[in-house]
Amino acid sequence: MISLRVLVGGVLTALATFAGTATGHSAPLPVTYNFFSGIPAELTNPGGSLPGSNDWTCKPSAEHPNPVVLVHGTGGAQQTNWGVYAPLLANEGYCVFAPTYGNLENLPWPVTAIGGLGPIEQSAGELSGYVDRVLAATGASKVDLVGHSQGTLMPTYYLEHLGGASKVDKYVSLAPLWNGTNAGGGALIATFARGLGIPGFDALLGPLCGACSQMLTGSPFITDLQAGGMAVQGITYTNIMTRYDELVVPYTSGILNAPNATNIVVQDGCAQDYSDHVAIAGSRRAATFVLNALDPAHPRPVPCDFVAPIIG
């Protein structure tokens, strides 16, 4: 039989652990390497923030002077896209912030938890205001960006057209699409339609997802960004890709040819990593590449684990 002393001690220990997990001060936050690990938080706290993120009293440390802003992908949100990264980066001592951008306004939850649907120019304006708020709250001079999918492309408009270049230090991308995507042949169809003077994808997708046609290879939006050169001087780029990306087609669209860019394919050196477009944001291997990109002075060994498609 368990003694009362042992029972009380166990309860107190559990409470202390819970308190530490909730505040991030005494015990590390749990990290579950699964792309969907942020969904329970959204279901139990709609529109809220993941533990470890959006603490507006957080002050960056000397070891990690730049706050990290997590920029979700199309259909994602501040909780659903970042179940791995919010607690992971908080445990590492970063001030972590995550907005939801581009969601449809004046609609009830859960529609409000579906972001990245607005025109990219509009979403970049939202990011601009958010970064300014982060800098003002933390006292930092620059932020580091970690983006996934659309969140790897949209910030480039912010850098090139909205004055963000002086406010960003490191730009880390998961499943990037610097040259857009031709998934399902969409880019070819859109280009053909434009050549015939048919609005095509732009008119079809615009009301539901203003960003979707903008991300197609050869779109006017992509062409405009490329005209100025995708890589901004003074910013360090790290691009983390997967050969099994079914939404960024070809996956080599994620390669950024610039002297200030490092391009990584997660399967290089790890054949058992089957990350696809979403699983790459739940992969321990990819996450370690991210940590090393954010803190290159203290690199850590990158694991090679089996990673299943979709869930990570």
C-alpha atoms as a PDB file:
ATOM      1  CA  MET A   1       0.000   0.000   0.000  1.00  0.00           C
ATOM      2  CA  ILE A   2       1.276   3.469  -0.828  1.00  0.00           C
ATOM      3  CA  SER A   3       1.940   5.508   2.283  1.00  0.00           C
ATOM      4  CA  LEU A   4       0.290   8.894   2.773  1.00  0.00           C
ATOM      5  CA  ARG A   5       3.700  10.545   2.769  1.00  0.00           C
ATOM      6  CA  VAL A   6       4.602   9.028  -0.608  1.00  0.00           C
ATOM      7  CA  LEU A   7       1.181   9.884  -2.017  1.00  0.00           C
ATOM      8  CA  VAL A   8       1.344  13.525  -0.891  1.00  0.00           C
ATOM      9  CA  GLY A   9       4.900  13.792  -2.146  1.00  0.00           C
ATOM     10  CA  GLY A  10       3.881  12.489  -5.544  1.00  0.00           C
ATOM     11  CA  VAL A  11       0.992  14.940  -5.784  1.00  0.00           C
ATOM     12  CA  LEU A  12       3.233  17.861  -4.848  1.00  0.00           C
ATOM     13  CA  THR A  13       5.812  16.793  -7.392  1.00  0.00           C
ATOM     14  CA  ALA A  14       3.160  16.534 -10.100  1.00  0.00           C
ATOM     15  CA  LEU A  15       1.820  19.986  -9.249  1.00  0.00           C
ATOM     16  CA  ALA A  16       5.288  21.472  -9.312  1.00  0.00           C
ATOM     17  CA  THR A  17       5.960  19.875 -12.668  1.00  0.00           C
ATOM     18  CA  PHE A  18       2.666  21.163 -14.056  1.00  0.00           C
ATOM     19  CA  ALA A  19       3.384  24.663 -12.778  1.00  0.00           C
ATOM     20  CA  GLY A  20       6.830  24.610 -14.311  1.00  0.00           C
ATOM     21  CA  THR A  21       5.468  23.374 -17.612  1.00  0.00           C
ATOM     22  CA  ALA A  22       2.803  26.050 -17.667  1.00  0.00           C
ATOM     23  CA  THR A  23       5.194  28.895 -16.969  1.00  0.00           C
ATOM     24  CA  GLY A  24       8.268  27.557 -18.721  1.00  0.00           C
ATOM     25  CA  HIS A  25      10.428  28.431 -15.703  1.00  0.00           C
ATOM     26  CA  SER A  26      11.004  25.222 -13.747  1.00  0.00           C
ATOM     27  CA  ALA A  27      10.490  22.362 -16.163  1.00  0.00           C
ATOM     28  CA  PRO A  28      10.770  22.044 -19.930  1.00  0.00           C
ATOM     29  CA  LEU A  29       7.624  22.147 -21.990  1.00  0.00           C
ATOM     30  CA  PRO A  30       6.691  18.815 -23.592  1.00  0.00           C
ATOM     31  CA  VAL A  31       7.639  18.548 -27.263  1.00  0.00           C
ATOM     32  CA  THR A  32       5.810  15.998 -29.417  1.00  0.00           C
ATOM     33  CA  TYR A  33       7.371  15.551 -32.850  1.00  0.00           C
ATOM     34  CA  ASN A  34       4.168  15.341 -34.835  1.00  0.00           C
ATOM     35  CA  PHE A  35       2.831  17.986 -37.218  1.00  0.00           C
ATOM     36  CA  PHE A  36      -0.620  17.752 -35.627  1.00  0.00           C
ATOM     37  CA  SER A  37       0.580  18.211 -32.043  1.00  0.00           C
ATOM     38  CA  GLY A  38      -0.712  21.782 -31.942  1.00  0.00           C
ATOM     39  CA  ILE A  39      -4.300  20.891 -32.819  1.00  0.00           C
ATOM     40  CA  PRO A  40      -5.385  19.809 -29.298  1.00  0.00           C
ATOM     41  CA  ALA A  41      -4.372  23.248 -28.031  1.00  0.00           C
ATOM     42  CA  GLU A  42      -6.538  24.921 -30.660  1.00  0.00           C
ATOM     43  CA  LEU A  43      -9.486  22.681 -29.798  1.00  0.00           C
ATOM     44  CA  THR A  44      -9.231  23.390 -26.072  1.00  0.00           C
ATOM     45  CA  ASN A  45      -8.250  27.065 -26.397  1.00  0.00           C
ATOM     46  CA  PRO A  46      -9.641  28.399 -29.688  1.00  0.00           C
ATOM     47  CA  GLY A  47      -7.623  31.292 -31.045  1.00  0.00           C
ATOM     48  CA  GLY A  48      -5.161  31.066 -28.182  1.00  0.00           C
ATOM     49  CA  SER A  49      -1.403  30.663 -28.071  1.00  0.00           C
ATOM     50  CA  LEU A  50       0.688  27.569 -27.552  1.00  0.00           C
ATOM     51  CA  PRO A  51       2.600  27.254 -24.268  1.00  0.00           C
ATOM     52  CA  GLY A  52       5.930  28.965 -24.717  1.00  0.00           C
ATOM     53  CA  SER A  53       4.696  31.417 -27.352  1.00  0.00           C
ATOM     54  CA  ASN A  54       3.366  34.976 -27.433  1.00  0.00           C
ATOM     55  CA  ASP A  55       4.637  35.949 -23.996  1.00  0.00           C
ATOM     56  CA  TRP A  56       4.744  39.711 -24.456  1.00  0.00           C
ATOM     57  CA  THR A  57       6.767  40.131 -21.269  1.00  0.00           C
ATOM     58  CA  CYS A  58       9.599  37.924 -22.592  1.00  0.00           C
ATOM     59  CA  LYS A  59      12.987  39.619 -22.812  1.00  0.00           C
ATOM     60  CA  PRO A  60      15.625  38.038 -25.073  1.00  0.00           C
ATOM     61  CA  SER A  61      18.757  36.666 -23.444  1.00  0.00           C
ATOM     62  CA  ALA A  62      22.327  37.472 -24.420  1.00  0.00           C
ATOM     63  CA  GLU A  63      22.597  33.943 -25.845  1.00  0.00           C
ATOM     64  CA  HIS A  64      19.509  34.419 -28.036  1.00  0.00           C
ATOM     65  CA  PRO A  65      19.062  38.153 -28.602  1.00  0.00           C
ATOM     66  CA  ASN A  66      16.641  37.812 -31.514  1.00  0.00           C
ATOM     67  CA  PRO A  67      13.015  36.890 -30.864  1.00  0.00           C
ATOM     68  CA  VAL A  68      11.798  34.145 -33.206  1.00  0.00           C
ATOM     69  CA  VAL A  69       8.629  34.776 -35.214  1.00  0.00           C
ATOM     70  CA  LEU A  70       6.938  31.628 -36.540  1.00  0.00           C
ATOM     71  CA  VAL A  71       5.142  32.190 -39.854  1.00  0.00           C
ATOM     72  CA  HIS A  72       2.625  29.452 -40.678  1.00  0.00           C
ATOM     73  CA  GLY A  73       1.603  28.128 -44.073  1.00  0.00           C
ATOM     74  CA  THR A  74      -1.604  28.170 -46.077  1.00  0.00           C
ATOM     75  CA  GLY A  75      -4.464  26.823 -43.983  1.00  0.00           C
ATOM     76  CA  GLY A  76      -2.362  26.965 -40.811  1.00  0.00           C
ATOM     77  CA  ALA A  77      -2.505  29.150 -37.735  1.00  0.00           C
ATOM     78  CA  GLN A  78      -0.414  30.125 -34.735  1.00  0.00           C
ATOM     79  CA  GLN A  79      -1.310  26.965 -32.809  1.00  0.00           C
ATOM     80  CA  THR A  80      -2.086  24.348 -35.443  1.00  0.00           C
ATOM     81  CA  ASN A  81       1.143  24.819 -37.426  1.00  0.00           C
ATOM     82  CA  TRP A  82       3.628  25.117 -34.569  1.00  0.00           C
ATOM     83  CA  GLY A  83       2.944  22.367 -32.027  1.00  0.00           C
ATOM     84  CA  VAL A  84       6.598  21.308 -32.239  1.00  0.00           C
ATOM     85  CA  TYR A  85       8.375  24.624 -32.583  1.00  0.00           C
ATOM     86  CA  ALA A  86       6.736  26.828 -29.943  1.00  0.00           C
ATOM     87  CA  PRO A  87       7.679  24.611 -26.978  1.00  0.00           C
ATOM     88  CA  LEU A  88      10.981  23.486 -28.542  1.00  0.00           C
ATOM     89  CA  LEU A  89      12.282  27.008 -29.061  1.00  0.00           C
ATOM     90  CA  ALA A  90      10.966  28.203 -25.700  1.00  0.00           C
ATOM     91  CA  ASN A  91      12.849  25.351 -24.025  1.00  0.00           C
ATOM     92  CA  GLU A  92      15.987  26.549 -25.814  1.00  0.00           C
ATOM     93  CA  GLY A  93      15.599  29.984 -24.258  1.00  0.00           C
ATOM     94  CA  TYR A  94      14.161  31.931 -27.190  1.00  0.00           C
ATOM     95  CA  CYS A  95      11.372  34.473 -26.993  1.00  0.00           C
ATOM     96  CA  VAL A  96       8.869  32.876 -29.374  1.00  0.00           C
ATOM     97  CA  PHE A  97       6.033  34.627 -31.164  1.00  0.00           C
ATOM     98  CA  ALA A  98       3.478  33.289 -33.624  1.00  0.00           C
ATOM     99  CA  PRO A  99       0.721  35.224 -35.388  1.00  0.00           C
ATOM    100  CA  THR A 100      -2.216  33.983 -37.403  1.00  0.00           C
ATOM    101  CA  TYR A 101      -2.367  35.966 -40.635  1.00  0.00           C
ATOM    102  CA  GLY A 102      -4.576  35.964 -43.706  1.00  0.00           C
ATOM    103  CA  ASN A 103      -7.629  34.390 -42.076  1.00  0.00           C
ATOM    104  CA  LEU A 104     -11.147  35.267 -43.156  1.00  0.00           C
ATOM    105  CA  GLU A 105     -12.574  38.014 -40.981  1.00  0.00           C
ATOM    106  CA  ASN A 106     -15.971  38.275 -39.308  1.00  0.00           C
ATOM    107  CA  LEU A 107     -16.528  34.531 -39.322  1.00  0.00           C
ATOM    108  CA  PRO A 108     -16.836  32.161 -36.353  1.00  0.00           C
ATOM    109  CA  TRP A 109     -14.248  29.703 -35.131  1.00  0.00           C
ATOM    110  CA  PRO A 110     -12.992  27.275 -36.456  1.00  0.00           C
ATOM    111  CA  VAL A 111     -12.889  29.238 -39.734  1.00  0.00           C
ATOM    112  CA  THR A 112     -10.788  31.867 -37.982  1.00  0.00           C
ATOM    113  CA  ALA A 113      -8.165  29.192 -37.324  1.00  0.00           C
ATOM    114  CA  ILE A 114      -7.591  28.753 -41.059  1.00  0.00           C
ATOM    115  CA  GLY A 115      -4.967  31.307 -42.022  1.00  0.00           C
ATOM    116  CA  GLY A 116      -2.888  32.183 -45.048  1.00  0.00           C
ATOM    117  CA  LEU A 117      -5.897  32.659 -47.339  1.00  0.00           C
ATOM    118  CA  GLY A 118      -5.655  36.380 -48.045  1.00  0.00           C
ATOM    119  CA  PRO A 119      -3.606  38.014 -50.786  1.00  0.00           C
ATOM    120  CA  ILE A 120       0.076  37.782 -49.890  1.00  0.00           C
ATOM    121  CA  GLU A 121       0.530  41.561 -50.001  1.00  0.00           C
ATOM    122  CA  GLN A 122      -2.147  41.908 -47.335  1.00  0.00           C
ATOM    123  CA  SER A 123      -0.661  39.139 -45.196  1.00  0.00           C
ATOM    124  CA  ALA A 124       2.783  40.736 -45.459  1.00  0.00           C
ATOM    125  CA  GLY A 125       1.278  43.942 -44.098  1.00  0.00           C
ATOM    126  CA  GLU A 126      -0.059  41.985 -41.128  1.00  0.00           C
ATOM    127  CA  LEU A 127       3.382  40.460 -40.578  1.00  0.00           C
ATOM    128  CA  SER A 128       4.964  43.901 -40.713  1.00  0.00           C
ATOM    129  CA  GLY A 129       2.752  45.210 -37.934  1.00  0.00           C
ATOM    130  CA  TYR A 130       3.310  42.070 -35.892  1.00  0.00           C
ATOM    131  CA  VAL A 131       7.104  42.243 -36.141  1.00  0.00           C
ATOM    132  CA  ASP A 132       7.010  45.894 -35.073  1.00  0.00           C
ATOM    133  CA  ARG A 133       4.963  44.884 -32.048  1.00  0.00           C
ATOM    134  CA  VAL A 134       7.448  42.119 -31.171  1.00  0.00           C
ATOM    135  CA  LEU A 135      10.402  44.478 -31.445  1.00  0.00           C
ATOM    136  CA  ALA A 136       8.692  47.114 -29.320  1.00  0.00           C
ATOM    137  CA  ALA A 137       7.749  44.607 -26.607  1.00  0.00           C
ATOM    138  CA  THR A 138      11.100  42.836 -26.432  1.00  0.00           C
ATOM    139  CA  GLY A 139      13.447  45.750 -27.034  1.00  0.00           C
ATOM    140  CA  ALA A 140      15.243  43.719 -29.722  1.00  0.00           C
ATOM    141  CA  SER A 141      16.563  45.321 -32.895  1.00  0.00           C
ATOM    142  CA  LYS A 142      15.883  42.341 -35.181  1.00  0.00           C
ATOM    143  CA  VAL A 143      13.875  39.121 -35.287  1.00  0.00           C
ATOM    144  CA  ASP A 144      14.592  35.708 -36.778  1.00  0.00           C
ATOM    145  CA  LEU A 145      11.889  34.204 -38.982  1.00  0.00           C
ATOM    146  CA  VAL A 146      10.994  30.520 -39.171  1.00  0.00           C
ATOM    147  CA  GLY A 147       8.419  29.868 -41.868  1.00  0.00           C
ATOM    148  CA  HIS A 148       6.617  26.886 -43.345  1.00  0.00           C
ATOM    149  CA  SER A 149       5.198  26.676 -46.863  1.00  0.00           C
ATOM    150  CA  GLN A 150       3.580  30.045 -47.704  1.00  0.00           C
ATOM    151  CA  GLY A 151       5.285  31.337 -44.575  1.00  0.00           C
ATOM    152  CA  THR A 152       8.603  30.934 -46.396  1.00  0.00           C
ATOM    153  CA  LEU A 153       7.540  33.127 -49.323  1.00  0.00           C
ATOM    154  CA  MET A 154       5.196  35.770 -47.932  1.00  0.00           C
ATOM    155  CA  PRO A 155       7.867  37.416 -45.720  1.00  0.00           C
ATOM    156  CA  THR A 156       9.937  38.156 -48.845  1.00  0.00           C
ATOM    157  CA  TYR A 157       7.302  40.685 -49.889  1.00  0.00           C
ATOM    158  CA  TYR A 158       7.609  42.204 -46.421  1.00  0.00           C
ATOM    159  CA  LEU A 159      11.387  42.438 -46.833  1.00  0.00           C
ATOM    160  CA  GLU A 160      11.338  43.831 -50.373  1.00  0.00           C
ATOM    161  CA  HIS A 161       8.378  46.197 -50.243  1.00  0.00           C
ATOM    162  CA  LEU A 162       7.443  46.975 -46.629  1.00  0.00           C
ATOM    163  CA  GLY A 163      10.757  47.872 -45.007  1.00  0.00           C
ATOM    164  CA  GLY A 164      11.336  44.557 -43.299  1.00  0.00           C
ATOM    165  CA  ALA A 165      14.893  44.006 -44.544  1.00  0.00           C
ATOM    166  CA  SER A 166      16.431  45.988 -41.687  1.00  0.00           C
ATOM    167  CA  LYS A 167      14.385  44.116 -39.071  1.00  0.00           C
ATOM    168  CA  VAL A 168      15.253  40.488 -39.921  1.00  0.00           C
ATOM    169  CA  ASP A 169      18.502  38.660 -39.176  1.00  0.00           C
ATOM    170  CA  LYS A 170      17.972  34.956 -39.971  1.00  0.00           C
ATOM    171  CA  TYR A 171      15.320  33.579 -42.316  1.00  0.00           C
ATOM    172  CA  VAL A 172      14.743  29.834 -41.918  1.00  0.00           C
ATOM    173  CA  SER A 173      12.359  28.059 -44.280  1.00  0.00           C
ATOM    174  CA  LEU A 174      10.650  24.669 -44.090  1.00  0.00           C
ATOM    175  CA  ALA A 175       9.339  23.450 -47.476  1.00  0.00           C
ATOM    176  CA  PRO A 176      10.157  26.739 -49.228  1.00  0.00           C
ATOM    177  CA  LEU A 177       8.942  27.672 -52.695  1.00  0.00           C
ATOM    178  CA  TRP A 178      11.182  30.461 -53.957  1.00  0.00           C
ATOM    179  CA  ASN A 179      10.267  29.621 -57.539  1.00  0.00           C
ATOM    180  CA  GLY A 180       6.628  28.879 -56.804  1.00  0.00           C
ATOM    181  CA  THR A 181       4.945  25.531 -57.345  1.00  0.00           C
ATOM    182  CA  ASN A 182       3.532  23.564 -60.241  1.00  0.00           C
ATOM    183  CA  ALA A 183       1.635  21.073 -58.068  1.00  0.00           C
ATOM    184  CA  GLY A 184      -1.009  19.291 -60.119  1.00  0.00           C
ATOM    185  CA  GLY A 185       0.150  21.181 -63.190  1.00  0.00           C
ATOM    186  CA  GLY A 186      -1.525  24.290 -61.799  1.00  0.00           C
ATOM    187  CA  ALA A 187       1.218  26.667 -62.916  1.00  0.00           C
ATOM    188  CA  LEU A 188       1.141  25.368 -66.487  1.00  0.00           C
ATOM    189  CA  ILE A 189      -2.642  25.669 -66.640  1.00  0.00           C
ATOM    190  CA  ALA A 190      -2.559  29.189 -65.203  1.00  0.00           C
ATOM    191  CA  THR A 191       0.163  30.293 -67.621  1.00  0.00           C
ATOM    192  CA  PHE A 192      -1.810  28.866 -70.563  1.00  0.00           C
ATOM    193  CA  ALA A 193      -4.977  30.605 -69.378  1.00  0.00           C
ATOM    194  CA  ARG A 194      -3.213  33.948 -69.011  1.00  0.00           C
ATOM    195  CA  GLY A 195      -1.778  33.555 -72.500  1.00  0.00           C
ATOM    196  CA  LEU A 196      -5.318  33.206 -73.828  1.00  0.00           C
ATOM    197  CA  GLY A 197      -6.532  36.142 -71.787  1.00  0.00           C
ATOM    198  CA  ILE A 198      -8.638  33.907 -69.536  1.00  0.00           C
ATOM    199  CA  PRO A 199      -8.602  34.922 -65.829  1.00  0.00           C
ATOM    200  CA  GLY A 200      -8.439  31.227 -64.891  1.00  0.00           C
ATOM    201  CA  PHE A 201      -7.019  30.412 -61.482  1.00  0.00           C
ATOM    202  CA  ASP A 202      -6.811  34.011 -60.315  1.00  0.00           C
ATOM    203  CA  ALA A 203     -10.556  34.505 -60.673  1.00  0.00           C
ATOM    204  CA  LEU A 204     -11.440  30.985 -59.551  1.00  0.00           C
ATOM    205  CA  LEU A 205      -9.395  30.883 -56.361  1.00  0.00           C
ATOM    206  CA  GLY A 206      -9.325  34.554 -55.433  1.00  0.00           C
ATOM    207  CA  PRO A 207     -12.486  34.725 -53.301  1.00  0.00           C
ATOM    208  CA  LEU A 208     -11.464  31.674 -51.261  1.00  0.00           C
ATOM    209  CA  CYS A 209      -7.669  31.873 -51.297  1.00  0.00           C
ATOM    210  CA  GLY A 210      -6.105  35.005 -52.677  1.00  0.00           C
ATOM    211  CA  ALA A 211      -2.610  33.635 -52.022  1.00  0.00           C
ATOM    212  CA  CYS A 212      -3.028  30.317 -53.845  1.00  0.00           C
ATOM    213  CA  SER A 213      -2.648  31.485 -57.439  1.00  0.00           C
ATOM    214  CA  GLN A 214       0.114  33.886 -56.377  1.00  0.00           C
ATOM    215  CA  MET A 215       2.277  30.942 -55.335  1.00  0.00           C
ATOM    216  CA  LEU A 216       2.164  29.252 -58.745  1.00  0.00           C
ATOM    217  CA  THR A 217       5.404  29.223 -60.708  1.00  0.00           C
ATOM    218  CA  GLY A 218       5.445  32.056 -63.219  1.00  0.00           C
ATOM    219  CA  SER A 219       2.685  34.032 -61.516  1.00  0.00           C
ATOM    220  CA  PRO A 220       2.924  37.836 -61.704  1.00  0.00           C
ATOM    221  CA  PHE A 221       3.567  37.837 -57.949  1.00  0.00           C
ATOM    222  CA  ILE A 222       6.515  35.421 -58.167  1.00  0.00           C
ATOM    223  CA  THR A 223       7.894  37.282 -61.192  1.00  0.00           C
ATOM    224  CA  ASP A 224       7.795  40.562 -59.281  1.00  0.00           C
ATOM    225  CA  LEU A 225       9.658  39.121 -56.293  1.00  0.00           C
ATOM    226  CA  GLN A 226      12.298  37.509 -58.486  1.00  0.00           C
ATOM    227  CA  ALA A 227      12.916  40.736 -60.355  1.00  0.00           C
ATOM    228  CA  GLY A 228      14.414  42.226 -57.220  1.00  0.00           C
ATOM    229  CA  GLY A 229      16.363  39.094 -56.333  1.00  0.00           C
ATOM    230  CA  MET A 230      14.860  36.810 -53.723  1.00  0.00           C
ATOM    231  CA  ALA A 231      17.794  36.918 -51.269  1.00  0.00           C
ATOM    232  CA  VAL A 232      18.216  40.201 -49.422  1.00  0.00           C
ATOM    233  CA  GLN A 233      21.776  41.157 -48.518  1.00  0.00           C
ATOM    234  CA  GLY A 234      22.532  41.074 -44.806  1.00  0.00           C
ATOM    235  CA  ILE A 235      20.042  38.294 -44.053  1.00  0.00           C
ATOM    236  CA  THR A 236      21.133  34.672 -43.530  1.00  0.00           C
ATOM    237  CA  TYR A 237      18.876  32.171 -45.305  1.00  0.00           C
ATOM    238  CA  THR A 238      18.490  28.471 -44.519  1.00  0.00           C
ATOM    239  CA  ASN A 239      16.182  26.422 -46.746  1.00  0.00           C
ATOM    240  CA  ILE A 240      15.096  22.953 -45.580  1.00  0.00           C
ATOM    241  CA  MET A 241      13.437  20.834 -48.267  1.00  0.00           C
ATOM    242  CA  THR A 242      12.096  17.331 -48.753  1.00  0.00           C
ATOM    243  CA  ARG A 243      12.209  15.240 -51.919  1.00  0.00           C
ATOM    244  CA  TYR A 244       8.722  13.960 -51.087  1.00  0.00           C
ATOM    245  CA  ASP A 245       7.062  17.384 -51.138  1.00  0.00           C
ATOM    246  CA  GLU A 246       3.728  16.929 -52.883  1.00  0.00           C
ATOM    247  CA  LEU A 247       2.714  20.602 -52.739  1.00  0.00           C
ATOM    248  CA  VAL A 248       5.966  22.313 -53.704  1.00  0.00           C
ATOM    249  CA  VAL A 249       6.594  20.797 -57.124  1.00  0.00           C
ATOM    250  CA  PRO A 250       9.359  20.378 -57.965  1.00  0.00           C
ATOM    251  CA  TYR A 251      10.847  20.385 -54.481  1.00  0.00           C
ATOM    252  CA  THR A 252      13.951  22.069 -55.926  1.00  0.00           C
ATOM    253  CA  SER A 253      11.878  25.235 -56.080  1.00  0.00           C
ATOM    254  CA  GLY A 254      13.060  25.589 -52.490  1.00  0.00           C
ATOM    255  CA  ILE A 255      16.664  26.106 -53.546  1.00  0.00           C
ATOM    256  CA  LEU A 256      17.835  29.695 -53.210  1.00  0.00           C
ATOM    257  CA  ASN A 257      21.002  30.314 -55.188  1.00  0.00           C
ATOM    258  CA  ALA A 258      22.688  33.065 -53.236  1.00  0.00           C
ATOM    259  CA  PRO A 259      25.954  33.412 -51.294  1.00  0.00           C
ATOM    260  CA  ASN A 260      24.008  34.089 -48.082  1.00  0.00           C
ATOM    261  CA  ALA A 261      21.812  30.980 -48.433  1.00  0.00           C
ATOM    262  CA  THR A 262      22.266  27.376 -47.256  1.00  0.00           C
ATOM    263  CA  ASN A 263      20.115  24.717 -48.928  1.00  0.00           C
ATOM    264  CA  ILE A 264      19.368  21.425 -47.146  1.00  0.00           C
ATOM    265  CA  VAL A 265      17.444  18.349 -48.304  1.00  0.00           C
ATOM    266  CA  VAL A 266      16.429  16.275 -45.272  1.00  0.00           C
ATOM    267  CA  GLN A 267      16.868  12.984 -47.138  1.00  0.00           C
ATOM    268  CA  ASP A 268      20.532  13.717 -47.846  1.00  0.00           C
ATOM    269  CA  GLY A 269      22.276  11.391 -45.401  1.00  0.00           C
ATOM    270  CA  CYS A 270      19.001   9.979 -44.063  1.00  0.00           C
ATOM    271  CA  ALA A 271      17.090   7.736 -46.448  1.00  0.00           C
ATOM    272  CA  GLN A 272      14.529   6.768 -43.786  1.00  0.00           C
ATOM    273  CA  ASP A 273      13.165  10.320 -43.589  1.00  0.00           C
ATOM    274  CA  TYR A 274       9.936  10.305 -45.600  1.00  0.00           C
ATOM    275  CA  SER A 275       8.847  13.802 -44.647  1.00  0.00           C
ATOM    276  CA  ASP A 276       6.350  15.310 -47.038  1.00  0.00           C
ATOM    277  CA  HIS A 277       5.123  18.898 -47.170  1.00  0.00           C
ATOM    278  CA  VAL A 278       3.462  18.841 -43.761  1.00  0.00           C
ATOM    279  CA  ALA A 279       5.542  16.223 -41.953  1.00  0.00           C
ATOM    280  CA  ILE A 280       8.676  18.289 -42.391  1.00  0.00           C
ATOM    281  CA  ALA A 281       7.245  20.709 -39.823  1.00  0.00           C
ATOM    282  CA  GLY A 282       6.927  17.832 -37.337  1.00  0.00           C
ATOM    283  CA  SER A 283      10.293  16.167 -37.942  1.00  0.00           C
ATOM    284  CA  ARG A 284      12.986  16.063 -35.249  1.00  0.00           C
ATOM    285  CA  ARG A 285      15.646  16.028 -37.970  1.00  0.00           C
ATOM    286  CA  ALA A 286      14.288  19.169 -39.635  1.00  0.00           C
ATOM    287  CA  ALA A 287      13.851  20.829 -36.257  1.00  0.00           C
ATOM    288  CA  THR A 288      17.504  20.237 -35.437  1.00  0.00           C
ATOM    289  CA  PHE A 289      18.511  21.848 -38.722  1.00  0.00           C
ATOM    290  CA  VAL A 290      16.383  24.824 -37.650  1.00  0.00           C
ATOM    291  CA  LEU A 291      18.051  25.033 -34.241  1.00  0.00           C
ATOM    292  CA  ASN A 292      21.480  24.959 -35.875  1.00  0.00           C
ATOM    293  CA  ALA A 293      20.459  27.676 -38.321  1.00  0.00           C
ATOM    294  CA  LEU A 294      19.265  29.919 -35.498  1.00  0.00           C
ATOM    295  CA  ASP A 295      22.378  29.283 -33.393  1.00  0.00           C
ATOM    296  CA  PRO A 296      25.218  28.365 -35.767  1.00  0.00           C
ATOM    297  CA  ALA A 297      27.838  29.027 -33.088  1.00  0.00           C
ATOM    298  CA  HIS A 298      26.577  25.996 -31.130  1.00  0.00           C
ATOM    299  CA  PRO A 299      25.708  23.288 -33.664  1.00  0.00           C
ATOM    300  CA  ARG A 300      24.352  19.985 -32.450  1.00  0.00           C
ATOM    301  CA  PRO A 301      24.333  16.560 -34.113  1.00  0.00           C
ATOM    302  CA  VAL A 302      21.414  16.126 -36.501  1.00  0.00           C
ATOM    303  CA  PRO A 303      19.531  12.877 -35.858  1.00  0.00           C
ATOM    304  CA  CYS A 304      18.398  10.470 -38.541  1.00  0.00           C
ATOM    305  CA  ASP A 305      15.056   9.039 -37.443  1.00  0.00           C
ATOM    306  CA  PHE A 306      12.295   7.353 -39.354  1.00  0.00           C
ATOM    307  CA  VAL A 307       9.819  10.059 -40.307  1.00  0.00           C
ATOM    308  CA  ALA A 308       6.413   9.035 -41.629  1.00  0.00           C
ATOM    309  CA  PRO A 309       4.630  11.092 -44.286  1.00  0.00           C
ATOM    310  CA  ILE A 310       1.999  13.597 -43.166  1.00  0.00           C
ATOM    311  CA  ILE A 311       2.340  13.242 -39.399  1.00  0.00           C
ATOM    312  CA  GLY A 312       6.111  13.405 -39.082  1.00  0.00           C
END
